Amino acid sequence: MKKKQLVLVLSIPLLLFSACTNPLQNIIDLFNKTPEIDAFTRAVKVSLPLAYAASVAMDAMNGAVIPGVTVLRTSPDSFPCTAIVTIAVNSSHPLPVGSTSVNGDMMVAALWSDSNAAVGSVFFTNTNIKDGTFTLKNVAFVPMVRDTSGTMVVFASEDVNADSAATLSATLALTDAAVKLQLDGLPTSLPTDSSVAVNQTAWITIAKRPAGGAPGSETYSLLGASQRLGVSPSTTEVVQAVMLGVKMTPSVCRLNPDSGYAMIRDIKIQGANSNIEMGTTILTFKSACDGRATILLATGNYLAKTGSTVPLNLDK
């Protein structure tokens, strides 16, 4: 009898500890969720190939002879003109993100108002640019401008993966007046103030090569913001993403940017019980080419991840 009483007495602290530990662990788990940064990686995987295509197309339209690039234009020697520039993508001329072993092409169909300004659409064929279930097919009606700072492109999330046939037809039907209207709304340079970045409703990317550099040696500067609402039978999600001063030179490192900041704010309601997951993640980047970003600050369900790193998967 005494032995049973002793076992009971000894088991009480263990039961109390277990009762206290499980709620504590639940709280820890609640604030230790891995942040979803798809909004950032997807923006980079669209922005860099788009800016690369625009930069090469600008070269070709200015008379440069580039291996793997062909030009078909309505007026061979004057502007404005409509042109289709086809750019080969292969191991010798890889895209700035994704696998280096793909064989495909990009087609830039645009109306050039002059040699350094155009509005057009970019189509990607067998380039294998993916992010989860997303595959990049095209970006519609993109303003493209070149000056001494580089080649700048601007696009909004709703411009991505429109109906390809309709997009091509509408692009080839653009008028010079419509192009100038689009170009008049472009910033003259990349804003540096964070409040300007947050108020952007599109992504801005500038591709700049060093003096005498060949296609593929570009440094990309990215800035802007977007917001996406996703609804499915079981989940409702609002995602906001911001980039400020993000720079990446794929010829040096294809795995991650080497400077700048990104912020992703995520609110997700899911399940029959309407469970809410929410938080903000601020990423920073370093020169080490390891394919990861550092979580400078995290809030909400991601709070405990502050100071840790996350993989970017930009080479996938």
C-alpha atoms as a PDB file:
ATOM      1  CA  MET A   1       0.000   0.000   0.000  1.00  0.00           C
ATOM      2  CA  LYS A   2       2.762   2.367   0.927  1.00  0.00           C
ATOM      3  CA  LYS A   3       4.479   1.606  -2.375  1.00  0.00           C
ATOM      4  CA  LYS A   4       1.349   2.600  -4.327  1.00  0.00           C
ATOM      5  CA  GLN A   5       1.049   5.810  -2.303  1.00  0.00           C
ATOM      6  CA  LEU A   6       4.708   6.598  -3.030  1.00  0.00           C
ATOM      7  CA  VAL A   7       4.204   6.089  -6.771  1.00  0.00           C
ATOM      8  CA  LEU A   8       1.148   8.358  -6.672  1.00  0.00           C
ATOM      9  CA  VAL A   9       3.013  11.089  -4.782  1.00  0.00           C
ATOM     10  CA  LEU A  10       5.947  10.958  -7.218  1.00  0.00           C
ATOM     11  CA  SER A  11       3.686  11.044 -10.252  1.00  0.00           C
ATOM     12  CA  ILE A  12       1.878  14.229  -9.191  1.00  0.00           C
ATOM     13  CA  PRO A  13       4.813  16.590  -9.998  1.00  0.00           C
ATOM     14  CA  LEU A  14       5.248  14.878 -13.360  1.00  0.00           C
ATOM     15  CA  LEU A  15       1.591  15.363 -14.212  1.00  0.00           C
ATOM     16  CA  LEU A  16       1.716  18.991 -13.125  1.00  0.00           C
ATOM     17  CA  PHE A  17       4.869  19.558 -15.191  1.00  0.00           C
ATOM     18  CA  SER A  18       3.247  17.951 -18.221  1.00  0.00           C
ATOM     19  CA  ALA A  19       0.135  20.074 -17.822  1.00  0.00           C
ATOM     20  CA  CYS A  20       2.270  23.201 -17.679  1.00  0.00           C
ATOM     21  CA  THR A  21       4.630  22.155 -20.450  1.00  0.00           C
ATOM     22  CA  ASN A  22       2.083  21.416 -23.157  1.00  0.00           C
ATOM     23  CA  PRO A  23       0.409  24.865 -23.055  1.00  0.00           C
ATOM     24  CA  LEU A  24       3.854  26.469 -22.929  1.00  0.00           C
ATOM     25  CA  GLN A  25       4.994  24.470 -25.950  1.00  0.00           C
ATOM     26  CA  ASN A  26       1.799  25.426 -27.752  1.00  0.00           C
ATOM     27  CA  ILE A  27       2.584  29.089 -27.147  1.00  0.00           C
ATOM     28  CA  ILE A  28       6.164  28.609 -28.365  1.00  0.00           C
ATOM     29  CA  ASP A  29       4.908  26.835 -31.490  1.00  0.00           C
ATOM     30  CA  LEU A  30       2.369  29.603 -32.085  1.00  0.00           C
ATOM     31  CA  PHE A  31       5.115  32.242 -32.408  1.00  0.00           C
ATOM     32  CA  ASN A  32       7.683  29.998 -34.086  1.00  0.00           C
ATOM     33  CA  LYS A  33       6.060  29.428 -37.462  1.00  0.00           C
ATOM     34  CA  THR A  34       8.228  29.685 -40.556  1.00  0.00           C
ATOM     35  CA  PRO A  35       7.327  32.841 -42.498  1.00  0.00           C
ATOM     36  CA  GLU A  36       6.137  32.476 -46.074  1.00  0.00           C
ATOM     37  CA  ILE A  37       8.269  34.651 -48.369  1.00  0.00           C
ATOM     38  CA  ASP A  38       6.840  33.492 -51.716  1.00  0.00           C
ATOM     39  CA  ALA A  39       5.721  37.039 -52.531  1.00  0.00           C
ATOM     40  CA  PHE A  40       9.337  38.186 -52.464  1.00  0.00           C
ATOM     41  CA  THR A  41      10.863  35.275 -54.384  1.00  0.00           C
ATOM     42  CA  ARG A  42       8.164  35.441 -57.051  1.00  0.00           C
ATOM     43  CA  ALA A  43       8.725  39.182 -57.559  1.00  0.00           C
ATOM     44  CA  VAL A  44      12.454  38.575 -58.045  1.00  0.00           C
ATOM     45  CA  LYS A  45      11.885  35.620 -60.399  1.00  0.00           C
ATOM     46  CA  VAL A  46       9.687  37.811 -62.612  1.00  0.00           C
ATOM     47  CA  SER A  47      11.604  41.111 -62.309  1.00  0.00           C
ATOM     48  CA  LEU A  48      15.094  39.890 -63.242  1.00  0.00           C
ATOM     49  CA  PRO A  49      14.232  37.917 -66.417  1.00  0.00           C
ATOM     50  CA  LEU A  50      11.953  40.765 -67.487  1.00  0.00           C
ATOM     51  CA  ALA A  51      14.645  43.423 -67.030  1.00  0.00           C
ATOM     52  CA  TYR A  52      17.232  41.172 -68.712  1.00  0.00           C
ATOM     53  CA  ALA A  53      14.949  40.716 -71.733  1.00  0.00           C
ATOM     54  CA  ALA A  54      14.320  44.469 -71.960  1.00  0.00           C
ATOM     55  CA  SER A  55      18.032  45.265 -71.685  1.00  0.00           C
ATOM     56  CA  VAL A  56      19.001  42.838 -74.463  1.00  0.00           C
ATOM     57  CA  ALA A  57      16.091  43.992 -76.654  1.00  0.00           C
ATOM     58  CA  MET A  58      17.208  47.611 -76.260  1.00  0.00           C
ATOM     59  CA  ASP A  59      20.712  46.632 -77.388  1.00  0.00           C
ATOM     60  CA  ALA A  60      19.349  44.810 -80.416  1.00  0.00           C
ATOM     61  CA  MET A  61      17.077  47.693 -81.401  1.00  0.00           C
ATOM     62  CA  ASN A  62      20.069  50.007 -81.264  1.00  0.00           C
ATOM     63  CA  GLY A  63      21.965  47.882 -83.800  1.00  0.00           C
ATOM     64  CA  ALA A  64      24.001  45.597 -81.528  1.00  0.00           C
ATOM     65  CA  VAL A  65      24.700  42.144 -82.929  1.00  0.00           C
ATOM     66  CA  ILE A  66      24.141  39.654 -80.083  1.00  0.00           C
ATOM     67  CA  PRO A  67      24.535  35.866 -80.387  1.00  0.00           C
ATOM     68  CA  GLY A  68      21.169  34.088 -80.194  1.00  0.00           C
ATOM     69  CA  VAL A  69      19.139  37.291 -80.724  1.00  0.00           C
ATOM     70  CA  THR A  70      17.001  38.029 -83.795  1.00  0.00           C
ATOM     71  CA  VAL A  71      15.002  41.169 -84.626  1.00  0.00           C
ATOM     72  CA  LEU A  72      11.943  41.525 -86.843  1.00  0.00           C
ATOM     73  CA  ARG A  73      10.745  45.139 -87.145  1.00  0.00           C
ATOM     74  CA  THR A  74       8.272  47.054 -89.305  1.00  0.00           C
ATOM     75  CA  SER A  75      10.708  49.863 -90.074  1.00  0.00           C
ATOM     76  CA  PRO A  76      14.368  48.871 -90.358  1.00  0.00           C
ATOM     77  CA  ASP A  77      15.895  52.328 -89.858  1.00  0.00           C
ATOM     78  CA  SER A  78      13.407  54.617 -88.130  1.00  0.00           C
ATOM     79  CA  PHE A  79      11.138  55.113 -85.113  1.00  0.00           C
ATOM     80  CA  PRO A  80       8.416  54.706 -84.057  1.00  0.00           C
ATOM     81  CA  CYS A  81       8.216  51.061 -85.093  1.00  0.00           C
ATOM     82  CA  THR A  82       6.816  47.752 -83.964  1.00  0.00           C
ATOM     83  CA  ALA A  83       9.358  44.985 -83.446  1.00  0.00           C
ATOM     84  CA  ILE A  84       9.648  41.437 -82.173  1.00  0.00           C
ATOM     85  CA  VAL A  85      12.968  40.553 -80.561  1.00  0.00           C
ATOM     86  CA  THR A  86      13.628  36.864 -79.877  1.00  0.00           C
ATOM     87  CA  ILE A  87      16.296  35.999 -77.308  1.00  0.00           C
ATOM     88  CA  ALA A  88      17.704  32.477 -76.909  1.00  0.00           C
ATOM     89  CA  VAL A  89      17.999  31.075 -73.384  1.00  0.00           C
ATOM     90  CA  ASN A  90      20.536  28.270 -72.879  1.00  0.00           C
ATOM     91  CA  SER A  91      23.608  27.331 -70.856  1.00  0.00           C
ATOM     92  CA  SER A  92      25.673  29.912 -72.766  1.00  0.00           C
ATOM     93  CA  HIS A  93      23.052  32.623 -72.266  1.00  0.00           C
ATOM     94  CA  PRO A  94      21.223  31.724 -69.041  1.00  0.00           C
ATOM     95  CA  LEU A  95      18.541  33.757 -67.347  1.00  0.00           C
ATOM     96  CA  PRO A  96      19.605  35.708 -64.229  1.00  0.00           C
ATOM     97  CA  VAL A  97      17.546  33.389 -61.973  1.00  0.00           C
ATOM     98  CA  GLY A  98      16.490  29.764 -62.089  1.00  0.00           C
ATOM     99  CA  SER A  99      18.343  26.827 -63.588  1.00  0.00           C
ATOM    100  CA  THR A 100      21.294  27.451 -65.916  1.00  0.00           C
ATOM    101  CA  SER A 101      20.599  24.295 -67.921  1.00  0.00           C
ATOM    102  CA  VAL A 102      17.283  25.189 -69.588  1.00  0.00           C
ATOM    103  CA  ASN A 103      16.855  25.630 -73.356  1.00  0.00           C
ATOM    104  CA  GLY A 104      14.121  28.040 -74.346  1.00  0.00           C
ATOM    105  CA  ASP A 105      13.600  31.585 -75.519  1.00  0.00           C
ATOM    106  CA  MET A 106      12.100  34.957 -74.675  1.00  0.00           C
ATOM    107  CA  MET A 107      10.160  37.083 -77.127  1.00  0.00           C
ATOM    108  CA  VAL A 108       9.853  40.841 -76.631  1.00  0.00           C
ATOM    109  CA  ALA A 109       6.987  42.244 -78.744  1.00  0.00           C
ATOM    110  CA  ALA A 110       6.815  46.017 -78.428  1.00  0.00           C
ATOM    111  CA  LEU A 111       6.192  49.381 -79.993  1.00  0.00           C
ATOM    112  CA  TRP A 112       9.308  51.540 -79.751  1.00  0.00           C
ATOM    113  CA  SER A 113       8.572  55.285 -79.680  1.00  0.00           C
ATOM    114  CA  ASP A 114      12.307  55.878 -80.071  1.00  0.00           C
ATOM    115  CA  SER A 115      15.517  53.890 -79.676  1.00  0.00           C
ATOM    116  CA  ASN A 116      15.398  54.047 -75.864  1.00  0.00           C
ATOM    117  CA  ALA A 117      11.695  53.826 -74.978  1.00  0.00           C
ATOM    118  CA  ALA A 118       9.053  51.193 -75.634  1.00  0.00           C
ATOM    119  CA  VAL A 119       5.944  49.525 -74.264  1.00  0.00           C
ATOM    120  CA  GLY A 120       5.568  45.836 -74.927  1.00  0.00           C
ATOM    121  CA  SER A 121       5.003  42.337 -73.655  1.00  0.00           C
ATOM    122  CA  VAL A 122       7.549  39.634 -72.896  1.00  0.00           C
ATOM    123  CA  PHE A 123       6.790  35.964 -73.529  1.00  0.00           C
ATOM    124  CA  PHE A 124       8.747  33.092 -71.975  1.00  0.00           C
ATOM    125  CA  THR A 125       8.887  29.688 -73.701  1.00  0.00           C
ATOM    126  CA  ASN A 126      10.440  26.615 -72.033  1.00  0.00           C
ATOM    127  CA  THR A 127      12.422  28.856 -69.674  1.00  0.00           C
ATOM    128  CA  ASN A 128      11.255  26.885 -66.621  1.00  0.00           C
ATOM    129  CA  ILE A 129      10.913  29.908 -64.314  1.00  0.00           C
ATOM    130  CA  LYS A 130       8.881  28.518 -61.426  1.00  0.00           C
ATOM    131  CA  ASP A 131       7.924  29.240 -57.839  1.00  0.00           C
ATOM    132  CA  GLY A 132       5.805  26.527 -56.276  1.00  0.00           C
ATOM    133  CA  THR A 133       2.807  25.999 -58.557  1.00  0.00           C
ATOM    134  CA  PHE A 134       3.542  29.270 -60.403  1.00  0.00           C
ATOM    135  CA  THR A 135       5.218  29.156 -63.848  1.00  0.00           C
ATOM    136  CA  LEU A 136       6.140  32.392 -65.630  1.00  0.00           C
ATOM    137  CA  LYS A 137       4.575  32.562 -69.113  1.00  0.00           C
ATOM    138  CA  ASN A 138       4.386  36.276 -69.961  1.00  0.00           C
ATOM    139  CA  VAL A 139       4.262  39.807 -68.625  1.00  0.00           C
ATOM    140  CA  ALA A 140       1.930  42.175 -70.480  1.00  0.00           C
ATOM    141  CA  PHE A 141       2.274  45.847 -71.452  1.00  0.00           C
ATOM    142  CA  VAL A 142       5.560  46.647 -69.744  1.00  0.00           C
ATOM    143  CA  PRO A 143       7.054  50.153 -70.087  1.00  0.00           C
ATOM    144  CA  MET A 144      10.780  49.907 -70.899  1.00  0.00           C
ATOM    145  CA  VAL A 145      13.126  52.906 -70.780  1.00  0.00           C
ATOM    146  CA  ARG A 146      16.902  53.181 -71.159  1.00  0.00           C
ATOM    147  CA  ASP A 147      19.120  56.047 -70.013  1.00  0.00           C
ATOM    148  CA  THR A 148      22.530  56.424 -68.386  1.00  0.00           C
ATOM    149  CA  SER A 149      21.294  54.678 -65.220  1.00  0.00           C
ATOM    150  CA  GLY A 150      20.408  51.491 -67.127  1.00  0.00           C
ATOM    151  CA  THR A 151      17.268  49.870 -68.538  1.00  0.00           C
ATOM    152  CA  MET A 152      14.167  50.278 -66.359  1.00  0.00           C
ATOM    153  CA  VAL A 153      11.026  48.142 -66.478  1.00  0.00           C
ATOM    154  CA  VAL A 154       7.834  48.498 -64.455  1.00  0.00           C
ATOM    155  CA  PHE A 155       5.099  45.909 -63.970  1.00  0.00           C
ATOM    156  CA  ALA A 156       2.214  45.157 -61.644  1.00  0.00           C
ATOM    157  CA  SER A 157       1.258  41.701 -60.402  1.00  0.00           C
ATOM    158  CA  GLU A 158      -1.887  41.679 -62.548  1.00  0.00           C
ATOM    159  CA  ASP A 159       0.281  42.048 -65.665  1.00  0.00           C
ATOM    160  CA  VAL A 160       1.774  38.567 -65.143  1.00  0.00           C
ATOM    161  CA  ASN A 161       0.496  35.503 -67.042  1.00  0.00           C
ATOM    162  CA  ALA A 162      -2.306  37.157 -68.986  1.00  0.00           C
ATOM    163  CA  ASP A 163      -3.843  35.328 -71.963  1.00  0.00           C
ATOM    164  CA  SER A 164      -0.872  35.003 -74.321  1.00  0.00           C
ATOM    165  CA  ALA A 165      -2.717  35.206 -77.666  1.00  0.00           C
ATOM    166  CA  ALA A 166      -4.801  38.202 -76.629  1.00  0.00           C
ATOM    167  CA  THR A 167      -1.754  39.910 -75.123  1.00  0.00           C
ATOM    168  CA  LEU A 168       0.295  39.516 -78.304  1.00  0.00           C
ATOM    169  CA  SER A 169      -2.526  40.838 -80.496  1.00  0.00           C
ATOM    170  CA  ALA A 170      -3.110  43.846 -78.246  1.00  0.00           C
ATOM    171  CA  THR A 171       0.614  44.559 -78.023  1.00  0.00           C
ATOM    172  CA  LEU A 172       1.085  44.611 -81.792  1.00  0.00           C
ATOM    173  CA  ALA A 173      -1.929  46.959 -82.058  1.00  0.00           C
ATOM    174  CA  LEU A 174      -0.426  49.576 -79.700  1.00  0.00           C
ATOM    175  CA  THR A 175      -0.249  53.135 -80.984  1.00  0.00           C
ATOM    176  CA  ASP A 176       2.553  55.643 -80.425  1.00  0.00           C
ATOM    177  CA  ALA A 177       0.180  57.839 -78.399  1.00  0.00           C
ATOM    178  CA  ALA A 178      -0.668  54.933 -76.089  1.00  0.00           C
ATOM    179  CA  VAL A 179       3.031  54.208 -75.599  1.00  0.00           C
ATOM    180  CA  LYS A 180       3.811  57.819 -74.693  1.00  0.00           C
ATOM    181  CA  LEU A 181       0.935  57.844 -72.190  1.00  0.00           C
ATOM    182  CA  GLN A 182       2.426  54.792 -70.459  1.00  0.00           C
ATOM    183  CA  LEU A 183       5.947  56.215 -70.463  1.00  0.00           C
ATOM    184  CA  ASP A 184       4.873  59.583 -69.036  1.00  0.00           C
ATOM    185  CA  GLY A 185       3.920  57.862 -65.781  1.00  0.00           C
ATOM    186  CA  LEU A 186       7.338  56.315 -65.168  1.00  0.00           C
ATOM    187  CA  PRO A 187       9.661  57.592 -62.430  1.00  0.00           C
ATOM    188  CA  THR A 188      12.849  59.187 -63.708  1.00  0.00           C
ATOM    189  CA  SER A 189      14.967  57.165 -61.251  1.00  0.00           C
ATOM    190  CA  LEU A 190      14.629  54.618 -58.461  1.00  0.00           C
ATOM    191  CA  PRO A 191      13.169  56.258 -55.302  1.00  0.00           C
ATOM    192  CA  THR A 192      15.304  55.884 -52.181  1.00  0.00           C
ATOM    193  CA  ASP A 193      12.761  56.934 -49.540  1.00  0.00           C
ATOM    194  CA  SER A 194      11.080  54.009 -47.789  1.00  0.00           C
ATOM    195  CA  SER A 195       7.664  55.715 -47.723  1.00  0.00           C
ATOM    196  CA  VAL A 196       7.803  56.025 -51.509  1.00  0.00           C
ATOM    197  CA  ALA A 197       8.549  52.318 -51.798  1.00  0.00           C
ATOM    198  CA  VAL A 198       5.615  51.339 -49.595  1.00  0.00           C
ATOM    199  CA  ASN A 199       3.239  53.487 -51.651  1.00  0.00           C
ATOM    200  CA  GLN A 200       4.251  51.894 -54.953  1.00  0.00           C
ATOM    201  CA  THR A 201       1.689  49.625 -56.590  1.00  0.00           C
ATOM    202  CA  ALA A 202       4.165  47.997 -58.964  1.00  0.00           C
ATOM    203  CA  TRP A 203       7.670  46.564 -59.142  1.00  0.00           C
ATOM    204  CA  ILE A 204      10.437  48.724 -60.613  1.00  0.00           C
ATOM    205  CA  THR A 205      13.658  47.106 -61.812  1.00  0.00           C
ATOM    206  CA  ILE A 206      16.750  48.683 -63.351  1.00  0.00           C
ATOM    207  CA  ALA A 207      19.334  46.536 -65.155  1.00  0.00           C
ATOM    208  CA  LYS A 208      22.739  48.188 -65.504  1.00  0.00           C
ATOM    209  CA  ARG A 209      25.906  46.727 -66.983  1.00  0.00           C
ATOM    210  CA  PRO A 210      29.463  47.813 -66.238  1.00  0.00           C
ATOM    211  CA  ALA A 211      31.184  49.761 -69.004  1.00  0.00           C
ATOM    212  CA  GLY A 212      31.910  47.367 -71.866  1.00  0.00           C
ATOM    213  CA  GLY A 213      30.026  44.543 -70.148  1.00  0.00           C
ATOM    214  CA  ALA A 214      28.269  41.868 -72.178  1.00  0.00           C
ATOM    215  CA  PRO A 215      24.651  40.719 -71.680  1.00  0.00           C
ATOM    216  CA  GLY A 216      24.581  38.676 -68.489  1.00  0.00           C
ATOM    217  CA  SER A 217      26.839  41.012 -66.489  1.00  0.00           C
ATOM    218  CA  GLU A 218      23.974  43.215 -65.285  1.00  0.00           C
ATOM    219  CA  THR A 219      23.433  44.418 -61.746  1.00  0.00           C
ATOM    220  CA  TYR A 220      19.725  44.624 -60.921  1.00  0.00           C
ATOM    221  CA  SER A 221      18.194  47.183 -58.555  1.00  0.00           C
ATOM    222  CA  LEU A 222      14.680  46.405 -57.349  1.00  0.00           C
ATOM    223  CA  LEU A 223      12.076  48.480 -55.538  1.00  0.00           C
ATOM    224  CA  GLY A 224       8.319  48.619 -55.161  1.00  0.00           C
ATOM    225  CA  ALA A 225       5.358  46.949 -53.520  1.00  0.00           C
ATOM    226  CA  SER A 226       2.383  44.753 -54.270  1.00  0.00           C
ATOM    227  CA  GLN A 227      -0.671  43.340 -52.551  1.00  0.00           C
ATOM    228  CA  ARG A 228      -2.404  40.073 -53.340  1.00  0.00           C
ATOM    229  CA  LEU A 229      -5.695  38.609 -52.145  1.00  0.00           C
ATOM    230  CA  GLY A 230      -6.035  34.838 -52.424  1.00  0.00           C
ATOM    231  CA  VAL A 231      -9.282  32.963 -51.789  1.00  0.00           C
ATOM    232  CA  SER A 232      -9.886  29.196 -51.858  1.00  0.00           C
ATOM    233  CA  PRO A 233     -12.584  26.983 -50.312  1.00  0.00           C
ATOM    234  CA  SER A 234     -10.504  26.562 -47.142  1.00  0.00           C
ATOM    235  CA  THR A 235      -8.220  29.622 -47.014  1.00  0.00           C
ATOM    236  CA  THR A 236      -8.384  33.390 -47.374  1.00  0.00           C
ATOM    237  CA  GLU A 237      -5.041  35.191 -47.515  1.00  0.00           C
ATOM    238  CA  VAL A 238      -3.858  38.780 -47.936  1.00  0.00           C
ATOM    239  CA  VAL A 239      -0.152  39.231 -48.686  1.00  0.00           C
ATOM    240  CA  GLN A 240       1.685  42.543 -48.944  1.00  0.00           C
ATOM    241  CA  ALA A 241       5.306  42.710 -50.091  1.00  0.00           C
ATOM    242  CA  VAL A 242       7.778  45.601 -50.274  1.00  0.00           C
ATOM    243  CA  MET A 243      11.344  45.811 -51.604  1.00  0.00           C
ATOM    244  CA  LEU A 244      13.723  48.705 -50.938  1.00  0.00           C
ATOM    245  CA  GLY A 245      17.262  49.011 -52.269  1.00  0.00           C
ATOM    246  CA  VAL A 246      17.525  45.328 -53.197  1.00  0.00           C
ATOM    247  CA  LYS A 247      20.513  44.690 -55.474  1.00  0.00           C
ATOM    248  CA  MET A 248      21.618  41.487 -57.160  1.00  0.00           C
ATOM    249  CA  THR A 249      24.420  40.687 -59.627  1.00  0.00           C
ATOM    250  CA  PRO A 250      23.761  37.153 -60.939  1.00  0.00           C
ATOM    251  CA  SER A 251      27.133  36.964 -62.721  1.00  0.00           C
ATOM    252  CA  VAL A 252      28.679  37.162 -59.222  1.00  0.00           C
ATOM    253  CA  CYS A 253      25.991  35.276 -57.266  1.00  0.00           C
ATOM    254  CA  ARG A 254      22.781  33.725 -58.612  1.00  0.00           C
ATOM    255  CA  LEU A 255      21.571  32.557 -55.218  1.00  0.00           C
ATOM    256  CA  ASN A 256      20.662  35.764 -53.395  1.00  0.00           C
ATOM    257  CA  PRO A 257      20.773  39.576 -53.471  1.00  0.00           C
ATOM    258  CA  ASP A 258      23.782  41.150 -51.770  1.00  0.00           C
ATOM    259  CA  SER A 259      22.068  44.179 -50.192  1.00  0.00           C
ATOM    260  CA  GLY A 260      18.726  45.801 -49.462  1.00  0.00           C
ATOM    261  CA  TYR A 261      15.579  45.006 -47.514  1.00  0.00           C
ATOM    262  CA  ALA A 262      12.289  43.236 -48.151  1.00  0.00           C
ATOM    263  CA  MET A 263       9.126  43.146 -46.046  1.00  0.00           C
ATOM    264  CA  ILE A 264       6.327  40.593 -46.306  1.00  0.00           C
ATOM    265  CA  ARG A 265       3.100  41.010 -44.330  1.00  0.00           C
ATOM    266  CA  ASP A 266       0.827  37.962 -44.352  1.00  0.00           C
ATOM    267  CA  ILE A 267      -2.698  37.479 -42.962  1.00  0.00           C
ATOM    268  CA  LYS A 268      -4.187  34.024 -43.457  1.00  0.00           C
ATOM    269  CA  ILE A 269      -7.559  32.630 -42.300  1.00  0.00           C
ATOM    270  CA  GLN A 270      -7.909  28.904 -42.826  1.00  0.00           C
ATOM    271  CA  GLY A 271      -9.781  25.784 -41.763  1.00  0.00           C
ATOM    272  CA  ALA A 272     -13.283  25.129 -40.487  1.00  0.00           C
ATOM    273  CA  ASN A 273     -12.445  26.954 -37.248  1.00  0.00           C
ATOM    274  CA  SER A 274     -11.144  30.039 -39.116  1.00  0.00           C
ATOM    275  CA  ASN A 275      -7.693  29.774 -37.584  1.00  0.00           C
ATOM    276  CA  ILE A 276      -5.761  33.017 -38.101  1.00  0.00           C
ATOM    277  CA  GLU A 277      -2.050  33.167 -38.896  1.00  0.00           C
ATOM    278  CA  MET A 278      -0.520  36.591 -39.293  1.00  0.00           C
ATOM    279  CA  GLY A 279       2.794  38.392 -39.035  1.00  0.00           C
ATOM    280  CA  THR A 280       5.346  40.639 -40.679  1.00  0.00           C
ATOM    281  CA  THR A 281       8.814  39.552 -41.777  1.00  0.00           C
ATOM    282  CA  ILE A 282      11.647  41.947 -42.633  1.00  0.00           C
ATOM    283  CA  LEU A 283      14.479  40.364 -44.629  1.00  0.00           C
ATOM    284  CA  THR A 284      17.981  41.664 -45.174  1.00  0.00           C
ATOM    285  CA  PHE A 285      20.657  40.349 -47.519  1.00  0.00           C
ATOM    286  CA  LYS A 286      24.418  39.939 -47.316  1.00  0.00           C
ATOM    287  CA  SER A 287      27.304  39.432 -49.692  1.00  0.00           C
ATOM    288  CA  ALA A 288      27.779  35.768 -48.737  1.00  0.00           C
ATOM    289  CA  CYS A 289      26.505  33.700 -51.675  1.00  0.00           C
ATOM    290  CA  ASP A 290      24.608  31.072 -49.666  1.00  0.00           C
ATOM    291  CA  GLY A 291      21.080  31.393 -51.066  1.00  0.00           C
ATOM    292  CA  ARG A 292      19.635  32.623 -47.781  1.00  0.00           C
ATOM    293  CA  ALA A 293      18.215  35.824 -46.297  1.00  0.00           C
ATOM    294  CA  THR A 294      18.424  36.942 -42.679  1.00  0.00           C
ATOM    295  CA  ILE A 295      15.203  37.692 -40.816  1.00  0.00           C
ATOM    296  CA  LEU A 296      16.055  41.090 -39.349  1.00  0.00           C
ATOM    297  CA  LEU A 297      12.743  41.349 -37.527  1.00  0.00           C
ATOM    298  CA  ALA A 298       9.587  39.255 -37.359  1.00  0.00           C
ATOM    299  CA  THR A 299       6.263  39.826 -35.620  1.00  0.00           C
ATOM    300  CA  GLY A 300       3.089  37.868 -34.923  1.00  0.00           C
ATOM    301  CA  ASN A 301       3.267  34.137 -35.566  1.00  0.00           C
ATOM    302  CA  TYR A 302       6.846  34.524 -36.866  1.00  0.00           C
ATOM    303  CA  LEU A 303       8.230  36.387 -33.825  1.00  0.00           C
ATOM    304  CA  ALA A 304      10.590  33.631 -32.669  1.00  0.00           C
ATOM    305  CA  LYS A 305      12.226  33.457 -36.108  1.00  0.00           C
ATOM    306  CA  THR A 306      13.863  36.881 -35.648  1.00  0.00           C
ATOM    307  CA  GLY A 307      17.612  36.543 -36.264  1.00  0.00           C
ATOM    308  CA  SER A 308      17.353  33.248 -38.146  1.00  0.00           C
ATOM    309  CA  THR A 309      17.779  32.690 -41.890  1.00  0.00           C
ATOM    310  CA  VAL A 310      15.469  31.391 -44.610  1.00  0.00           C
ATOM    311  CA  PRO A 311      16.251  29.822 -48.016  1.00  0.00           C
ATOM    312  CA  LEU A 312      15.335  31.886 -51.097  1.00  0.00           C
ATOM    313  CA  ASN A 313      15.425  29.130 -53.771  1.00  0.00           C
ATOM    314  CA  LEU A 314      16.158  31.639 -56.546  1.00  0.00           C
ATOM    315  CA  ASP A 315      18.202  29.044 -58.419  1.00  0.00           C
ATOM    316  CA  LYS A 316      15.319  26.544 -58.597  1.00  0.00           C
END
